[in-house]
Amino acid sequence: MGFGQHQSFYLRTYWLRKAIQQININNRFFYEKNASELIGLGSNMVNSLKHWIVAADICETDKREGDHKVIHQKSQFGEIFDIYDPYIELNDTASIIHYHLVDDKEPCTTWYWFFNEYDKASFERDEALNDYISWLNKSYNSKTSTNTLERDLDCLLKQYYSKNKSSDPEEVIQSPLASLNLLVEKNARLFKRSPNYEEIGLTALMYVLLKYNQSEVSINEIEKNKNLWGKVFNLNRSEIVNAIDQLASISKYPLEFDRTNSLDLVRVKQIDPILFLKEEYIKKARSLK
């Protein structure tokens, strides 16, 4: 379980690129006394960013040879991110970062719960907080303080939806995940919005299927299972079918859609998700030239 590691700061659009630039120079950057000065962020924001680069699977931690001190190095996804989309200009990139935040209880338990466990389509903030506390107490007998859980939920909501009018320049910069529009407000309630598949990106959707690591999966599973499209991206069944139809119609994607006998079964050729992602981003880069 992981709580409160973001220092109450949601992920900002250019933070990941800034972090990679520094780590490329010094893999002990986040442990340097002048890290805040070098990256141009407050000390609490630097600690927050140290959390987000790992949570988003941009970087991994390791131990340095010799003295065994902790270092950061780019992950395989981080290498792709750094080369092809460090400014998060593609929907696919934002979607993949979002997926990495919600695909496990560690280190972002609140994010995992909200997208994989919380079934309410609309809610008020205090209602969601009470539901979250109830889930934690029932499932894990959690001793985490209410204040910490409250900060986690507030950070999550700001990351996907914000009406912030703060005069602080850092506070008015949107999270890159706000562009996914997974949360909207209507009549003082927040709603989980179901996007169309183009807003998420076919590359990101295929990547998530490959990460699920099953050779066969039904439409019903894609809609309802944890860490699949219906949960992670709020996609409804009709939009899931539209996306599968589109993926199956393009020969470059390792997927077949069998709709005989009302099975609605998707067959996925198991290839390495990172190799798939790298090939996709190379193609995207070529198409922009």
C-alpha atoms as a PDB file:
ATOM      1  CA  MET A   1       0.000   0.000   0.000  1.00  0.00           C
ATOM      2  CA  GLY A   2       1.239   3.511  -0.779  1.00  0.00           C
ATOM      3  CA  PHE A   3      -0.114   6.799   0.556  1.00  0.00           C
ATOM      4  CA  GLY A   4       0.884  10.456   0.613  1.00  0.00           C
ATOM      5  CA  GLN A   5       4.153  10.189  -1.290  1.00  0.00           C
ATOM      6  CA  HIS A   6       3.219  12.995  -3.696  1.00  0.00           C
ATOM      7  CA  GLN A   7       3.579  15.740  -1.025  1.00  0.00           C
ATOM      8  CA  SER A   8       0.097  16.947  -2.128  1.00  0.00           C
ATOM      9  CA  PHE A   9       1.453  17.987  -5.556  1.00  0.00           C
ATOM     10  CA  TYR A  10      -0.128  16.380  -8.613  1.00  0.00           C
ATOM     11  CA  LEU A  11       2.036  15.624 -11.652  1.00  0.00           C
ATOM     12  CA  ARG A  12       2.719  18.654 -13.882  1.00  0.00           C
ATOM     13  CA  THR A  13       3.154  18.490 -17.646  1.00  0.00           C
ATOM     14  CA  TYR A  14       6.904  19.234 -17.904  1.00  0.00           C
ATOM     15  CA  TRP A  15       8.084  17.609 -14.689  1.00  0.00           C
ATOM     16  CA  LEU A  16       8.907  14.212 -16.165  1.00  0.00           C
ATOM     17  CA  ARG A  17      11.058  15.745 -18.894  1.00  0.00           C
ATOM     18  CA  LYS A  18      12.861  17.897 -16.328  1.00  0.00           C
ATOM     19  CA  ALA A  19      13.537  14.846 -14.193  1.00  0.00           C
ATOM     20  CA  ILE A  20      14.948  12.806 -17.075  1.00  0.00           C
ATOM     21  CA  GLN A  21      17.224  15.683 -18.115  1.00  0.00           C
ATOM     22  CA  GLN A  22      18.721  15.759 -14.635  1.00  0.00           C
ATOM     23  CA  ILE A  23      18.972  11.971 -14.276  1.00  0.00           C
ATOM     24  CA  ASN A  24      20.774  11.774 -17.627  1.00  0.00           C
ATOM     25  CA  ILE A  25      23.450  13.979 -16.035  1.00  0.00           C
ATOM     26  CA  ASN A  26      23.442  12.522 -12.517  1.00  0.00           C
ATOM     27  CA  ASN A  27      21.582   9.391 -11.488  1.00  0.00           C
ATOM     28  CA  ARG A  28      21.822  10.539  -7.856  1.00  0.00           C
ATOM     29  CA  PHE A  29      20.163  13.874  -8.691  1.00  0.00           C
ATOM     30  CA  PHE A  30      17.199  13.438  -6.321  1.00  0.00           C
ATOM     31  CA  TYR A  31      19.554  12.965  -3.376  1.00  0.00           C
ATOM     32  CA  GLU A  32      21.666  16.064  -4.023  1.00  0.00           C
ATOM     33  CA  LYS A  33      21.334  19.009  -1.613  1.00  0.00           C
ATOM     34  CA  ASN A  34      20.998  21.484  -4.500  1.00  0.00           C
ATOM     35  CA  ALA A  35      18.419  19.422  -6.467  1.00  0.00           C
ATOM     36  CA  SER A  36      15.745  22.060  -5.951  1.00  0.00           C
ATOM     37  CA  GLU A  37      17.973  24.811  -7.355  1.00  0.00           C
ATOM     38  CA  LEU A  38      19.091  22.710 -10.335  1.00  0.00           C
ATOM     39  CA  ILE A  39      15.586  21.782 -11.467  1.00  0.00           C
ATOM     40  CA  GLY A  40      13.855  25.036 -10.553  1.00  0.00           C
ATOM     41  CA  LEU A  41      11.255  23.552  -8.198  1.00  0.00           C
ATOM     42  CA  GLY A  42      10.590  23.824  -4.484  1.00  0.00           C
ATOM     43  CA  SER A  43      12.045  21.112  -2.255  1.00  0.00           C
ATOM     44  CA  ASN A  44       8.640  19.526  -1.601  1.00  0.00           C
ATOM     45  CA  MET A  45       7.938  19.495  -5.348  1.00  0.00           C
ATOM     46  CA  VAL A  46      11.266  17.728  -5.925  1.00  0.00           C
ATOM     47  CA  ASN A  47      10.235  15.043  -3.433  1.00  0.00           C
ATOM     48  CA  SER A  48       6.885  14.795  -5.179  1.00  0.00           C
ATOM     49  CA  LEU A  49       8.562  14.401  -8.552  1.00  0.00           C
ATOM     50  CA  LYS A  50      10.799  11.649  -7.146  1.00  0.00           C
ATOM     51  CA  HIS A  51       7.583   9.772  -6.420  1.00  0.00           C
ATOM     52  CA  TRP A  52       5.918  10.447  -9.786  1.00  0.00           C
ATOM     53  CA  ILE A  53       8.821   9.348 -11.986  1.00  0.00           C
ATOM     54  CA  VAL A  54       8.702   5.881 -10.417  1.00  0.00           C
ATOM     55  CA  ALA A  55       4.902   5.693 -10.188  1.00  0.00           C
ATOM     56  CA  ALA A  56       4.584   6.592 -13.880  1.00  0.00           C
ATOM     57  CA  ASP A  57       7.241   3.971 -14.751  1.00  0.00           C
ATOM     58  CA  ILE A  58       9.475   6.605 -16.293  1.00  0.00           C
ATOM     59  CA  CYS A  59      12.354   5.653 -13.991  1.00  0.00           C
ATOM     60  CA  GLU A  60      13.384   2.754 -11.803  1.00  0.00           C
ATOM     61  CA  THR A  61      15.483   2.705  -8.652  1.00  0.00           C
ATOM     62  CA  ASP A  62      18.602   0.621  -8.286  1.00  0.00           C
ATOM     63  CA  LYS A  63      21.684   0.393  -6.070  1.00  0.00           C
ATOM     64  CA  ARG A  64      24.966   1.846  -7.253  1.00  0.00           C
ATOM     65  CA  GLU A  65      27.899  -0.525  -7.462  1.00  0.00           C
ATOM     66  CA  GLY A  66      30.501   0.013  -4.795  1.00  0.00           C
ATOM     67  CA  ASP A  67      28.650   2.042  -2.171  1.00  0.00           C
ATOM     68  CA  HIS A  68      25.132   0.635  -2.852  1.00  0.00           C
ATOM     69  CA  LYS A  69      23.540   4.085  -2.764  1.00  0.00           C
ATOM     70  CA  VAL A  70      20.135   4.427  -4.412  1.00  0.00           C
ATOM     71  CA  ILE A  71      20.140   5.737  -7.980  1.00  0.00           C
ATOM     72  CA  HIS A  72      17.479   6.403 -10.614  1.00  0.00           C
ATOM     73  CA  GLN A  73      17.714   5.136 -14.169  1.00  0.00           C
ATOM     74  CA  LYS A  74      15.302   5.341 -17.061  1.00  0.00           C
ATOM     75  CA  SER A  75      12.923   2.426 -17.468  1.00  0.00           C
ATOM     76  CA  GLN A  76      12.291   0.876 -20.869  1.00  0.00           C
ATOM     77  CA  PHE A  77       9.174   3.022 -21.177  1.00  0.00           C
ATOM     78  CA  GLY A  78      11.172   6.011 -19.953  1.00  0.00           C
ATOM     79  CA  GLU A  79      13.636   5.522 -22.825  1.00  0.00           C
ATOM     80  CA  ILE A  80      10.769   5.612 -25.332  1.00  0.00           C
ATOM     81  CA  PHE A  81       9.227   8.609 -23.588  1.00  0.00           C
ATOM     82  CA  ASP A  82      12.530  10.508 -23.573  1.00  0.00           C
ATOM     83  CA  ILE A  83      13.223   9.934 -27.270  1.00  0.00           C
ATOM     84  CA  TYR A  84       9.774  10.248 -28.828  1.00  0.00           C
ATOM     85  CA  ASP A  85       7.379  12.257 -26.629  1.00  0.00           C
ATOM     86  CA  PRO A  86       8.986  14.016 -23.634  1.00  0.00           C
ATOM     87  CA  TYR A  87       6.445  16.864 -23.821  1.00  0.00           C
ATOM     88  CA  ILE A  88       3.484  14.429 -23.670  1.00  0.00           C
ATOM     89  CA  GLU A  89       1.960  15.682 -26.906  1.00  0.00           C
ATOM     90  CA  LEU A  90       0.356  12.336 -27.813  1.00  0.00           C
ATOM     91  CA  ASN A  91      -2.829  11.062 -26.173  1.00  0.00           C
ATOM     92  CA  ASP A  92      -1.240   7.616 -26.109  1.00  0.00           C
ATOM     93  CA  THR A  93       1.588   8.832 -23.880  1.00  0.00           C
ATOM     94  CA  ALA A  94      -0.747  10.439 -21.349  1.00  0.00           C
ATOM     95  CA  SER A  95      -2.900   7.294 -21.391  1.00  0.00           C
ATOM     96  CA  ILE A  96       0.074   4.993 -20.753  1.00  0.00           C
ATOM     97  CA  ILE A  97       1.322   7.172 -17.890  1.00  0.00           C
ATOM     98  CA  HIS A  98      -2.194   7.066 -16.425  1.00  0.00           C
ATOM     99  CA  TYR A  99      -2.283   3.272 -16.778  1.00  0.00           C
ATOM    100  CA  HIS A 100       1.022   2.934 -14.935  1.00  0.00           C
ATOM    101  CA  LEU A 101      -0.344   4.972 -12.019  1.00  0.00           C
ATOM    102  CA  VAL A 102      -3.445   2.815 -11.586  1.00  0.00           C
ATOM    103  CA  ASP A 103      -2.277  -0.705 -12.445  1.00  0.00           C
ATOM    104  CA  ASP A 104      -1.167  -1.715  -8.943  1.00  0.00           C
ATOM    105  CA  LYS A 105      -1.809  -0.898  -5.288  1.00  0.00           C
ATOM    106  CA  GLU A 106       1.807   0.255  -4.972  1.00  0.00           C
ATOM    107  CA  PRO A 107       2.829   3.030  -4.911  1.00  0.00           C
ATOM    108  CA  CYS A 108      -0.510   4.800  -5.634  1.00  0.00           C
ATOM    109  CA  THR A 109      -3.173   2.939  -3.687  1.00  0.00           C
ATOM    110  CA  THR A 110      -5.746   5.726  -4.043  1.00  0.00           C
ATOM    111  CA  TRP A 111      -5.336   5.810  -7.814  1.00  0.00           C
ATOM    112  CA  TYR A 112      -5.642   2.041  -8.030  1.00  0.00           C
ATOM    113  CA  TRP A 113      -8.809   2.063  -5.906  1.00  0.00           C
ATOM    114  CA  PHE A 114     -10.469   4.930  -7.737  1.00  0.00           C
ATOM    115  CA  PHE A 115     -10.154   3.393 -11.200  1.00  0.00           C
ATOM    116  CA  ASN A 116     -10.224  -0.343 -10.456  1.00  0.00           C
ATOM    117  CA  GLU A 117     -12.393  -0.746  -7.368  1.00  0.00           C
ATOM    118  CA  TYR A 118     -14.703   2.280  -7.168  1.00  0.00           C
ATOM    119  CA  ASP A 119     -17.819   1.547  -9.193  1.00  0.00           C
ATOM    120  CA  LYS A 120     -19.780   4.768  -8.690  1.00  0.00           C
ATOM    121  CA  ALA A 121     -20.132   6.725 -11.914  1.00  0.00           C
ATOM    122  CA  SER A 122     -20.870   9.982 -10.078  1.00  0.00           C
ATOM    123  CA  PHE A 123     -20.094  11.259  -6.603  1.00  0.00           C
ATOM    124  CA  GLU A 124     -19.337  14.229  -4.406  1.00  0.00           C
ATOM    125  CA  ARG A 125     -15.849  14.577  -2.965  1.00  0.00           C
ATOM    126  CA  ASP A 126     -16.777  13.756   0.645  1.00  0.00           C
ATOM    127  CA  GLU A 127     -18.890  10.833  -0.524  1.00  0.00           C
ATOM    128  CA  ALA A 128     -15.908   9.359  -2.396  1.00  0.00           C
ATOM    129  CA  LEU A 129     -13.650   9.873   0.622  1.00  0.00           C
ATOM    130  CA  ASN A 130     -16.045   7.996   2.904  1.00  0.00           C
ATOM    131  CA  ASP A 131     -16.349   5.202   0.344  1.00  0.00           C
ATOM    132  CA  TYR A 132     -12.567   4.966   0.093  1.00  0.00           C
ATOM    133  CA  ILE A 133     -12.091   4.775   3.850  1.00  0.00           C
ATOM    134  CA  SER A 134     -14.771   2.068   4.057  1.00  0.00           C
ATOM    135  CA  TRP A 135     -13.044   0.034   1.328  1.00  0.00           C
ATOM    136  CA  LEU A 136      -9.654   0.293   3.038  1.00  0.00           C
ATOM    137  CA  ASN A 137     -11.039  -0.664   6.438  1.00  0.00           C
ATOM    138  CA  LYS A 138     -12.978  -3.592   5.005  1.00  0.00           C
ATOM    139  CA  SER A 139     -10.243  -4.913   2.725  1.00  0.00           C
ATOM    140  CA  TYR A 140      -7.055  -4.131   4.644  1.00  0.00           C
ATOM    141  CA  ASN A 141      -7.960  -2.898   8.141  1.00  0.00           C
ATOM    142  CA  SER A 142      -5.929   0.194   7.249  1.00  0.00           C
ATOM    143  CA  LYS A 143      -4.506   2.405  10.004  1.00  0.00           C
ATOM    144  CA  THR A 144      -3.713   5.273   7.611  1.00  0.00           C
ATOM    145  CA  SER A 145      -4.908   8.650   8.915  1.00  0.00           C
ATOM    146  CA  THR A 146      -7.990  10.250   7.403  1.00  0.00           C
ATOM    147  CA  ASN A 147      -5.987  13.411   6.674  1.00  0.00           C
ATOM    148  CA  THR A 148      -3.514  11.449   4.545  1.00  0.00           C
ATOM    149  CA  LEU A 149      -6.309   9.721   2.613  1.00  0.00           C
ATOM    150  CA  GLU A 150      -8.045  13.053   2.129  1.00  0.00           C
ATOM    151  CA  ARG A 151      -4.883  14.587   0.667  1.00  0.00           C
ATOM    152  CA  ASP A 152      -4.479  11.590  -1.642  1.00  0.00           C
ATOM    153  CA  LEU A 153      -8.004  11.885  -2.985  1.00  0.00           C
ATOM    154  CA  ASP A 154      -7.730  15.653  -3.424  1.00  0.00           C
ATOM    155  CA  CYS A 155      -4.463  15.210  -5.318  1.00  0.00           C
ATOM    156  CA  LEU A 156      -6.065  12.604  -7.579  1.00  0.00           C
ATOM    157  CA  LEU A 157      -9.052  14.824  -8.359  1.00  0.00           C
ATOM    158  CA  LYS A 158      -6.787  17.775  -9.177  1.00  0.00           C
ATOM    159  CA  GLN A 159      -4.714  15.544 -11.450  1.00  0.00           C
ATOM    160  CA  TYR A 160      -7.696  14.616 -13.631  1.00  0.00           C
ATOM    161  CA  TYR A 161      -9.971  17.591 -13.128  1.00  0.00           C
ATOM    162  CA  SER A 162      -9.183  21.096 -11.914  1.00  0.00           C
ATOM    163  CA  LYS A 163     -10.980  24.402 -11.442  1.00  0.00           C
ATOM    164  CA  ASN A 164      -7.935  25.844  -9.728  1.00  0.00           C
ATOM    165  CA  LYS A 165      -7.790  29.650  -9.632  1.00  0.00           C
ATOM    166  CA  SER A 166      -4.628  29.943  -7.562  1.00  0.00           C
ATOM    167  CA  SER A 167      -2.216  32.800  -8.264  1.00  0.00           C
ATOM    168  CA  ASP A 168       0.725  30.389  -7.849  1.00  0.00           C
ATOM    169  CA  PRO A 169       2.097  29.700 -11.379  1.00  0.00           C
ATOM    170  CA  GLU A 170       2.801  26.059 -10.502  1.00  0.00           C
ATOM    171  CA  GLU A 171      -0.744  25.602  -9.211  1.00  0.00           C
ATOM    172  CA  VAL A 172      -2.409  26.684 -12.469  1.00  0.00           C
ATOM    173  CA  ILE A 173      -0.363  24.315 -14.651  1.00  0.00           C
ATOM    174  CA  GLN A 174      -2.549  21.377 -15.575  1.00  0.00           C
ATOM    175  CA  SER A 175      -1.573  17.788 -15.165  1.00  0.00           C
ATOM    176  CA  PRO A 176      -0.917  16.037 -18.499  1.00  0.00           C
ATOM    177  CA  LEU A 177      -3.629  13.564 -17.454  1.00  0.00           C
ATOM    178  CA  ALA A 178      -6.306  16.267 -17.394  1.00  0.00           C
ATOM    179  CA  SER A 179      -6.258  16.116 -21.206  1.00  0.00           C
ATOM    180  CA  LEU A 180      -7.806  12.638 -21.031  1.00  0.00           C
ATOM    181  CA  ASN A 181     -11.017  14.191 -19.637  1.00  0.00           C
ATOM    182  CA  LEU A 182     -11.783  11.157 -17.499  1.00  0.00           C
ATOM    183  CA  LEU A 183     -13.531  13.337 -14.892  1.00  0.00           C
ATOM    184  CA  VAL A 184     -16.109  16.095 -15.465  1.00  0.00           C
ATOM    185  CA  GLU A 185     -18.268  18.201 -13.153  1.00  0.00           C
ATOM    186  CA  LYS A 186     -22.021  18.676 -13.481  1.00  0.00           C
ATOM    187  CA  ASN A 187     -24.258  20.325 -10.906  1.00  0.00           C
ATOM    188  CA  ALA A 188     -21.633  20.157  -8.152  1.00  0.00           C
ATOM    189  CA  ARG A 189     -21.026  16.426  -8.701  1.00  0.00           C
ATOM    190  CA  LEU A 190     -18.073  14.749 -10.349  1.00  0.00           C
ATOM    191  CA  PHE A 191     -18.669  12.126 -13.018  1.00  0.00           C
ATOM    192  CA  LYS A 192     -16.433   9.462 -14.466  1.00  0.00           C
ATOM    193  CA  ARG A 193     -16.626  10.285 -18.153  1.00  0.00           C
ATOM    194  CA  SER A 194     -16.532   7.590 -20.812  1.00  0.00           C
ATOM    195  CA  PRO A 195     -14.290   8.858 -23.641  1.00  0.00           C
ATOM    196  CA  ASN A 196     -14.180   7.610 -27.199  1.00  0.00           C
ATOM    197  CA  TYR A 197     -11.264   5.337 -28.023  1.00  0.00           C
ATOM    198  CA  GLU A 198      -9.491   7.967 -30.163  1.00  0.00           C
ATOM    199  CA  GLU A 199      -9.090  10.145 -27.066  1.00  0.00           C
ATOM    200  CA  ILE A 200      -7.178   7.328 -25.386  1.00  0.00           C
ATOM    201  CA  GLY A 201      -5.255   6.133 -28.443  1.00  0.00           C
ATOM    202  CA  LEU A 202      -5.113   2.738 -30.145  1.00  0.00           C
ATOM    203  CA  THR A 203      -1.447   2.311 -29.275  1.00  0.00           C
ATOM    204  CA  ALA A 204      -2.148   2.790 -25.566  1.00  0.00           C
ATOM    205  CA  LEU A 205      -5.139   0.443 -25.669  1.00  0.00           C
ATOM    206  CA  MET A 206      -3.134  -2.286 -27.407  1.00  0.00           C
ATOM    207  CA  TYR A 207      -0.284  -1.810 -24.925  1.00  0.00           C
ATOM    208  CA  VAL A 208      -2.681  -2.354 -21.999  1.00  0.00           C
ATOM    209  CA  LEU A 209      -4.029  -5.547 -23.601  1.00  0.00           C
ATOM    210  CA  LEU A 210      -0.497  -6.845 -24.075  1.00  0.00           C
ATOM    211  CA  LYS A 211       0.371  -6.005 -20.468  1.00  0.00           C
ATOM    212  CA  TYR A 212      -2.683  -8.010 -19.357  1.00  0.00           C
ATOM    213  CA  ASN A 213      -0.817 -11.006 -20.805  1.00  0.00           C
ATOM    214  CA  GLN A 214      -3.734 -13.227 -21.820  1.00  0.00           C
ATOM    215  CA  SER A 215      -3.988 -14.879 -25.235  1.00  0.00           C
ATOM    216  CA  GLU A 216      -7.798 -14.746 -25.113  1.00  0.00           C
ATOM    217  CA  VAL A 217     -10.017 -12.210 -23.397  1.00  0.00           C
ATOM    218  CA  SER A 218     -13.738 -11.509 -23.796  1.00  0.00           C
ATOM    219  CA  ILE A 219     -15.342  -8.121 -24.358  1.00  0.00           C
ATOM    220  CA  ASN A 220     -17.053  -8.577 -20.999  1.00  0.00           C
ATOM    221  CA  GLU A 221     -13.658  -8.995 -19.316  1.00  0.00           C
ATOM    222  CA  ILE A 222     -12.230  -5.952 -21.102  1.00  0.00           C
ATOM    223  CA  GLU A 223     -15.189  -3.967 -19.799  1.00  0.00           C
ATOM    224  CA  LYS A 224     -15.260  -5.229 -16.206  1.00  0.00           C
ATOM    225  CA  ASN A 225     -11.866  -6.656 -15.186  1.00  0.00           C
ATOM    226  CA  LYS A 226      -9.334  -4.666 -13.193  1.00  0.00           C
ATOM    227  CA  ASN A 227      -6.492  -3.125 -15.201  1.00  0.00           C
ATOM    228  CA  LEU A 228      -8.433  -3.319 -18.464  1.00  0.00           C
ATOM    229  CA  TRP A 229     -10.132  -0.660 -20.541  1.00  0.00           C
ATOM    230  CA  GLY A 230     -13.513  -0.368 -18.840  1.00  0.00           C
ATOM    231  CA  LYS A 231     -11.929   0.230 -15.453  1.00  0.00           C
ATOM    232  CA  VAL A 232      -8.736   2.076 -16.353  1.00  0.00           C
ATOM    233  CA  PHE A 233     -10.181   4.395 -19.013  1.00  0.00           C
ATOM    234  CA  ASN A 234     -13.926   4.376 -18.172  1.00  0.00           C
ATOM    235  CA  LEU A 235     -14.632   2.993 -21.659  1.00  0.00           C
ATOM    236  CA  ASN A 236     -18.183   1.721 -22.097  1.00  0.00           C
ATOM    237  CA  ARG A 237     -18.964  -1.534 -23.895  1.00  0.00           C
ATOM    238  CA  SER A 238     -19.931  -0.026 -27.246  1.00  0.00           C
ATOM    239  CA  GLU A 239     -16.723   2.026 -27.376  1.00  0.00           C
ATOM    240  CA  ILE A 240     -14.687  -1.038 -26.417  1.00  0.00           C
ATOM    241  CA  VAL A 241     -16.218  -2.939 -29.347  1.00  0.00           C
ATOM    242  CA  ASN A 242     -15.497   0.011 -31.661  1.00  0.00           C
ATOM    243  CA  ALA A 243     -11.855   0.024 -30.563  1.00  0.00           C
ATOM    244  CA  ILE A 244     -11.491  -3.741 -30.961  1.00  0.00           C
ATOM    245  CA  ASP A 245     -13.067  -3.580 -34.424  1.00  0.00           C
ATOM    246  CA  GLN A 246     -10.610  -0.872 -35.405  1.00  0.00           C
ATOM    247  CA  LEU A 247      -7.589  -2.720 -33.999  1.00  0.00           C
ATOM    248  CA  ALA A 248      -8.624  -5.977 -35.697  1.00  0.00           C
ATOM    249  CA  SER A 249      -9.032  -4.201 -39.042  1.00  0.00           C
ATOM    250  CA  ILE A 250      -5.424  -2.988 -39.042  1.00  0.00           C
ATOM    251  CA  SER A 251      -3.005  -5.797 -39.831  1.00  0.00           C
ATOM    252  CA  LYS A 252      -0.113  -4.286 -37.867  1.00  0.00           C
ATOM    253  CA  TYR A 253      -1.889  -4.976 -34.563  1.00  0.00           C
ATOM    254  CA  PRO A 254      -1.485  -8.499 -33.097  1.00  0.00           C
ATOM    255  CA  LEU A 255      -5.191  -9.015 -32.458  1.00  0.00           C
ATOM    256  CA  GLU A 256      -8.185 -10.937 -33.852  1.00  0.00           C
ATOM    257  CA  PHE A 257     -11.853 -10.447 -32.993  1.00  0.00           C
ATOM    258  CA  ASP A 258     -14.096 -13.540 -33.025  1.00  0.00           C
ATOM    259  CA  ARG A 259     -17.806 -12.668 -32.871  1.00  0.00           C
ATOM    260  CA  THR A 260     -19.124 -16.115 -33.815  1.00  0.00           C
ATOM    261  CA  ASN A 261     -21.664 -17.789 -31.515  1.00  0.00           C
ATOM    262  CA  SER A 262     -21.960 -14.538 -29.528  1.00  0.00           C
ATOM    263  CA  LEU A 263     -18.571 -15.190 -27.904  1.00  0.00           C
ATOM    264  CA  ASP A 264     -17.190 -11.719 -28.564  1.00  0.00           C
ATOM    265  CA  LEU A 265     -13.731 -13.148 -27.965  1.00  0.00           C
ATOM    266  CA  VAL A 266     -10.518 -11.225 -28.549  1.00  0.00           C
ATOM    267  CA  ARG A 267      -7.396 -13.220 -29.373  1.00  0.00           C
ATOM    268  CA  VAL A 268      -4.144 -11.446 -28.630  1.00  0.00           C
ATOM    269  CA  LYS A 269      -0.796 -12.543 -30.020  1.00  0.00           C
ATOM    270  CA  GLN A 270       1.601 -12.303 -27.098  1.00  0.00           C
ATOM    271  CA  ILE A 271       4.502 -10.047 -27.981  1.00  0.00           C
ATOM    272  CA  ASP A 272       6.659  -7.916 -25.733  1.00  0.00           C
ATOM    273  CA  PRO A 273       4.632  -4.769 -24.828  1.00  0.00           C
ATOM    274  CA  ILE A 274       7.736  -2.562 -24.844  1.00  0.00           C
ATOM    275  CA  LEU A 275       8.898  -3.791 -28.260  1.00  0.00           C
ATOM    276  CA  PHE A 276       5.394  -3.135 -29.571  1.00  0.00           C
ATOM    277  CA  LEU A 277       5.424   0.341 -28.031  1.00  0.00           C
ATOM    278  CA  LYS A 278       8.833   1.206 -29.461  1.00  0.00           C
ATOM    279  CA  GLU A 279       7.785   0.181 -32.971  1.00  0.00           C
ATOM    280  CA  GLU A 280       4.598   2.241 -32.660  1.00  0.00           C
ATOM    281  CA  TYR A 281       6.445   5.370 -31.537  1.00  0.00           C
ATOM    282  CA  ILE A 282       8.997   4.989 -34.328  1.00  0.00           C
ATOM    283  CA  LYS A 283       6.100   4.890 -36.815  1.00  0.00           C
ATOM    284  CA  LYS A 284       4.499   7.933 -35.204  1.00  0.00           C
ATOM    285  CA  ALA A 285       7.781   9.853 -35.421  1.00  0.00           C
ATOM    286  CA  ARG A 286       8.164   8.977 -39.100  1.00  0.00           C
ATOM    287  CA  SER A 287       4.600  10.077 -39.886  1.00  0.00           C
ATOM    288  CA  LEU A 288       5.324  13.516 -38.423  1.00  0.00           C
ATOM    289  CA  LYS A 289       8.337  14.128 -40.705  1.00  0.00           C
END
